[in-house]
Amino acid sequence: MPLPPSCQVALKEWASVLAACARGEQLVFIRKGGLIEPGGGGFEFRAPRFLLYPTYEHQTVAFLRSPFQALFEEAMGQKPADGRVAFGLCGEVVYSTQSRDADLLKRLEPFHIYNDAFMSQRLRWQPDQPLVIGVIRAWRLPAPVSLPLSSRYAGCKSWVDLEEAVSLEGATPVLDEHTFAERLSRIHAILGKPEATPIVPPR
């Protein structure tokens, strides 16, 4: 499905994880929601396509597998000036499901950069809520777009509505069709496509 011409909703994620997305290393996002999610509930994909908002405050290099820990320093070196947020990627959720199965999460390791300590921490936190697993296709904007920060963007929440829309014209997929389809097929073999939660419809 083609991207819309612009987007005004953004999903927060560690800048180091987004650096991995830009390299085609991260296809699976594993979430359980921020501390101030609307309604106090867990994480959900509230839009099928969204900008990827890099965050720096809570990312932890100790939660990344050793081959990818250099991405932490790379991301910190690209941190924009105070008072700005820079967008270089947008994402499209193509598949989502829920799980509390540590073994299943381990089998997804080829498709993300988190380590076992991260997985254990995520499973222990708010144990009544399952983890939400989303397969994200990343698209690269033609050039990074820098916007002023707003106080509305602050806090431990997953989603923000930007004060202005960002053009997606000219965005290109990080992985070509063949490569992405091959990796998605491998993920389906792990997660089991019939049990997937339908992605949210366009709005």
Protein backbone atom coordinates (compact mmCIF):
# COMPACT_ATOMS: atom_id res chain seq x y z
CA MET A 1 0.00 0.00 0.00
CA PRO A 2 1.48 3.39 -0.93
CA LEU A 3 2.31 5.88 1.77
CA PRO A 4 0.07 8.92 2.25
CA PRO A 5 1.48 12.26 1.05
CA SER A 6 2.11 13.45 4.60
CA CYS A 7 1.87 12.32 8.21
CA GLN A 8 1.25 14.06 11.54
CA VAL A 9 1.36 11.14 14.00
CA ALA A 10 4.64 9.76 15.35
CA LEU A 11 5.69 6.69 17.33
CA LYS A 12 8.49 7.17 19.86
CA GLU A 13 11.34 4.64 19.80
CA TRP A 14 14.95 4.58 20.97
CA ALA A 15 17.25 6.38 18.56
CA SER A 16 19.61 3.38 18.54
CA VAL A 17 16.73 1.10 17.45
CA LEU A 18 15.83 3.52 14.68
CA ALA A 19 19.46 3.50 13.55
CA ALA A 20 19.07 -0.28 13.22
CA CYS A 21 15.82 0.23 11.28
CA ALA A 22 17.67 2.51 8.85
CA ARG A 23 20.12 -0.35 8.19
CA GLY A 24 17.40 -2.98 7.75
CA GLU A 25 18.48 -4.72 10.98
CA GLN A 26 15.29 -4.05 12.99
CA LEU A 27 11.96 -5.25 11.65
CA VAL A 28 10.26 -6.27 14.90
CA PHE A 29 9.20 -3.77 17.55
CA ILE A 30 8.39 -5.18 21.00
CA ARG A 31 6.33 -2.82 23.11
CA LYS A 32 4.32 -2.67 26.31
CA GLY A 33 3.30 0.97 26.41
CA GLY A 34 4.55 4.09 28.15
CA LEU A 35 3.75 5.12 31.70
CA ILE A 36 1.10 7.59 30.56
CA GLU A 37 -0.64 5.77 27.72
CA PRO A 38 -4.19 7.06 27.14
CA GLY A 39 -6.64 5.39 29.49
CA GLY A 40 -3.80 3.75 31.41
CA GLY A 41 -3.86 0.76 29.07
CA GLY A 42 -1.10 -1.04 27.23
CA PHE A 43 0.43 -0.34 23.88
CA GLU A 44 -1.52 -0.50 20.64
CA PHE A 45 -0.85 0.57 17.09
CA ARG A 46 -3.10 3.57 16.74
CA ALA A 47 -2.17 4.24 13.11
CA PRO A 48 -1.04 1.99 10.25
CA ARG A 49 1.63 4.43 9.07
CA PHE A 50 3.55 6.91 11.20
CA LEU A 51 6.76 8.85 11.59
CA LEU A 52 9.44 7.30 13.77
CA TYR A 53 10.33 9.71 16.59
CA PRO A 54 13.86 9.11 17.99
CA THR A 55 14.19 9.26 21.76
CA TYR A 56 17.42 9.52 23.74
CA GLU A 57 16.55 9.82 27.45
CA HIS A 58 15.71 6.21 28.34
CA GLN A 59 17.63 4.13 25.82
CA THR A 60 20.12 1.81 27.48
CA VAL A 61 23.17 0.37 25.74
CA ALA A 62 23.11 -2.55 28.22
CA PHE A 63 19.81 -3.67 26.63
CA LEU A 64 21.33 -4.04 23.13
CA ARG A 65 23.09 -7.17 21.88
CA SER A 66 26.84 -6.66 21.68
CA PRO A 67 27.11 -6.57 17.84
CA PHE A 68 24.75 -3.58 17.86
CA GLN A 69 25.93 -1.58 20.85
CA ALA A 70 27.91 0.75 18.58
CA LEU A 71 24.54 2.00 17.30
CA PHE A 72 24.02 3.65 20.68
CA GLU A 73 27.02 5.95 20.22
CA GLU A 74 26.10 6.50 16.57
CA ALA A 75 22.62 7.61 17.56
CA MET A 76 23.86 9.86 20.35
CA GLY A 77 26.24 11.50 17.88
CA GLN A 78 23.30 12.40 15.66
CA LYS A 79 21.18 13.90 18.43
CA PRO A 80 19.72 17.19 17.18
CA ALA A 81 20.22 20.50 18.92
CA ASP A 82 18.20 21.15 22.05
CA GLY A 83 14.68 22.19 21.25
CA ARG A 84 14.45 20.19 18.02
CA VAL A 85 13.41 16.71 16.93
CA ALA A 86 14.62 15.21 13.65
CA PHE A 87 12.68 12.69 11.59
CA GLY A 88 14.47 10.52 9.04
CA LEU A 89 12.18 7.50 8.88
CA CYS A 90 8.53 6.60 8.74
CA GLY A 91 7.10 3.19 9.52
CA GLU A 92 4.28 0.98 8.31
CA VAL A 93 2.94 -1.77 10.57
CA VAL A 94 2.27 -4.81 8.40
CA TYR A 95 1.59 -7.41 11.10
CA SER A 96 0.97 -7.40 14.83
CA THR A 97 0.24 -9.89 17.58
CA GLN A 98 0.64 -10.31 21.35
CA SER A 99 2.72 -12.73 23.40
CA ARG A 100 4.13 -13.51 26.84
CA ASP A 101 6.27 -16.38 25.48
CA ALA A 102 9.97 -15.81 26.20
CA ASP A 103 10.99 -18.65 23.87
CA LEU A 104 9.06 -17.12 20.99
CA LEU A 105 10.73 -13.76 21.62
CA LYS A 106 14.11 -15.46 21.52
CA ARG A 107 13.32 -16.94 18.11
CA LEU A 108 12.66 -13.42 16.80
CA GLU A 109 16.22 -12.37 17.65
CA PRO A 110 17.38 -12.18 13.99
CA PHE A 111 14.88 -9.36 13.45
CA HIS A 112 15.72 -6.96 16.30
CA ILE A 113 18.72 -5.75 18.31
CA TYR A 114 17.43 -6.17 21.90
CA ASN A 115 19.18 -8.62 24.24
CA ASP A 116 17.86 -11.16 26.77
CA ALA A 117 18.06 -8.65 29.64
CA PHE A 118 15.72 -6.32 27.74
CA MET A 119 13.26 -9.13 27.07
CA SER A 120 13.24 -10.22 30.72
CA GLN A 121 12.69 -6.64 31.88
CA ARG A 122 9.83 -6.12 29.43
CA LEU A 123 8.12 -9.36 30.48
CA ARG A 124 8.42 -8.56 34.21
CA TRP A 125 7.11 -5.00 33.95
CA GLN A 126 3.30 -4.89 34.25
CA PRO A 127 3.11 -8.70 33.93
CA ASP A 128 -0.67 -8.59 33.49
CA GLN A 129 -0.13 -7.02 30.05
CA PRO A 130 1.23 -9.05 27.11
CA LEU A 131 3.96 -7.71 24.90
CA VAL A 132 2.81 -6.31 21.59
CA ILE A 133 4.94 -7.50 18.69
CA GLY A 134 4.76 -5.43 15.53
CA VAL A 135 6.49 -6.02 12.23
CA ILE A 136 7.43 -2.62 10.87
CA ARG A 137 8.49 -1.77 7.35
CA ALA A 138 10.73 1.29 7.53
CA TRP A 139 10.79 3.96 4.85
CA ARG A 140 13.56 6.53 4.53
CA LEU A 141 12.62 10.17 3.98
CA PRO A 142 14.50 11.92 1.14
CA ALA A 143 16.14 14.19 3.74
CA PRO A 144 15.77 14.48 7.53
CA VAL A 145 13.07 16.88 8.68
CA SER A 146 13.77 18.92 11.82
CA LEU A 147 10.84 20.31 13.82
CA PRO A 148 10.65 22.38 17.00
CA LEU A 149 9.94 20.41 20.13
CA SER A 150 6.62 20.98 21.85
CA SER A 151 5.89 20.42 25.52
CA ARG A 152 3.03 18.18 24.33
CA TYR A 153 5.57 15.67 23.05
CA ALA A 154 7.20 15.16 26.46
CA GLY A 155 6.63 12.25 28.81
CA CYS A 156 6.65 8.47 28.77
CA LYS A 157 4.04 7.95 26.08
CA SER A 158 4.35 6.06 22.84
CA TRP A 159 2.44 8.31 20.44
CA VAL A 160 2.48 12.03 19.72
CA ASP A 161 0.39 14.14 17.39
CA LEU A 162 2.78 16.60 15.77
CA GLU A 163 1.91 20.26 15.50
CA GLU A 164 2.62 20.15 11.79
CA ALA A 165 2.51 17.45 9.15
CA VAL A 166 5.70 16.04 7.62
CA SER A 167 5.77 15.28 3.90
CA LEU A 168 6.35 11.64 2.97
CA GLU A 169 6.77 12.41 -0.73
CA GLY A 170 9.81 10.64 -2.11
CA ALA A 171 10.19 8.23 0.83
CA THR A 172 11.77 4.91 -0.18
CA PRO A 173 11.66 1.55 1.62
CA VAL A 174 14.83 0.63 3.50
CA LEU A 175 14.53 -2.96 2.27
CA ASP A 176 13.53 -3.80 -1.29
CA GLU A 177 10.38 -5.79 -1.94
CA HIS A 178 12.09 -9.17 -2.35
CA THR A 179 14.23 -8.83 0.78
CA PHE A 180 11.38 -7.58 2.94
CA ALA A 181 9.00 -10.31 1.71
CA GLU A 182 11.59 -13.01 2.46
CA ARG A 183 12.13 -11.74 6.01
CA LEU A 184 8.42 -11.29 6.61
CA SER A 185 7.87 -14.91 5.57
CA ARG A 186 10.44 -16.03 8.15
CA ILE A 187 8.72 -13.95 10.84
CA HIS A 188 5.33 -15.42 9.90
CA ALA A 189 6.81 -18.90 10.33
CA ILE A 190 7.72 -17.97 13.92
CA LEU A 191 4.63 -16.03 14.96
CA GLY A 192 1.97 -17.92 13.07
CA LYS A 193 0.10 -15.65 10.70
CA PRO A 194 -3.46 -16.91 11.43
CA GLU A 195 -3.18 -15.76 15.06
CA ALA A 196 -2.06 -12.24 14.19
CA THR A 197 -4.13 -9.30 15.40
CA PRO A 198 -5.44 -7.31 12.44
CA ILE A 199 -3.60 -4.05 11.97
CA VAL A 200 -5.57 -0.90 12.50
CA PRO A 201 -7.37 0.44 9.44
CA PRO A 202 -6.40 3.72 7.79
CA ARG A 203 -8.09 6.73 9.27
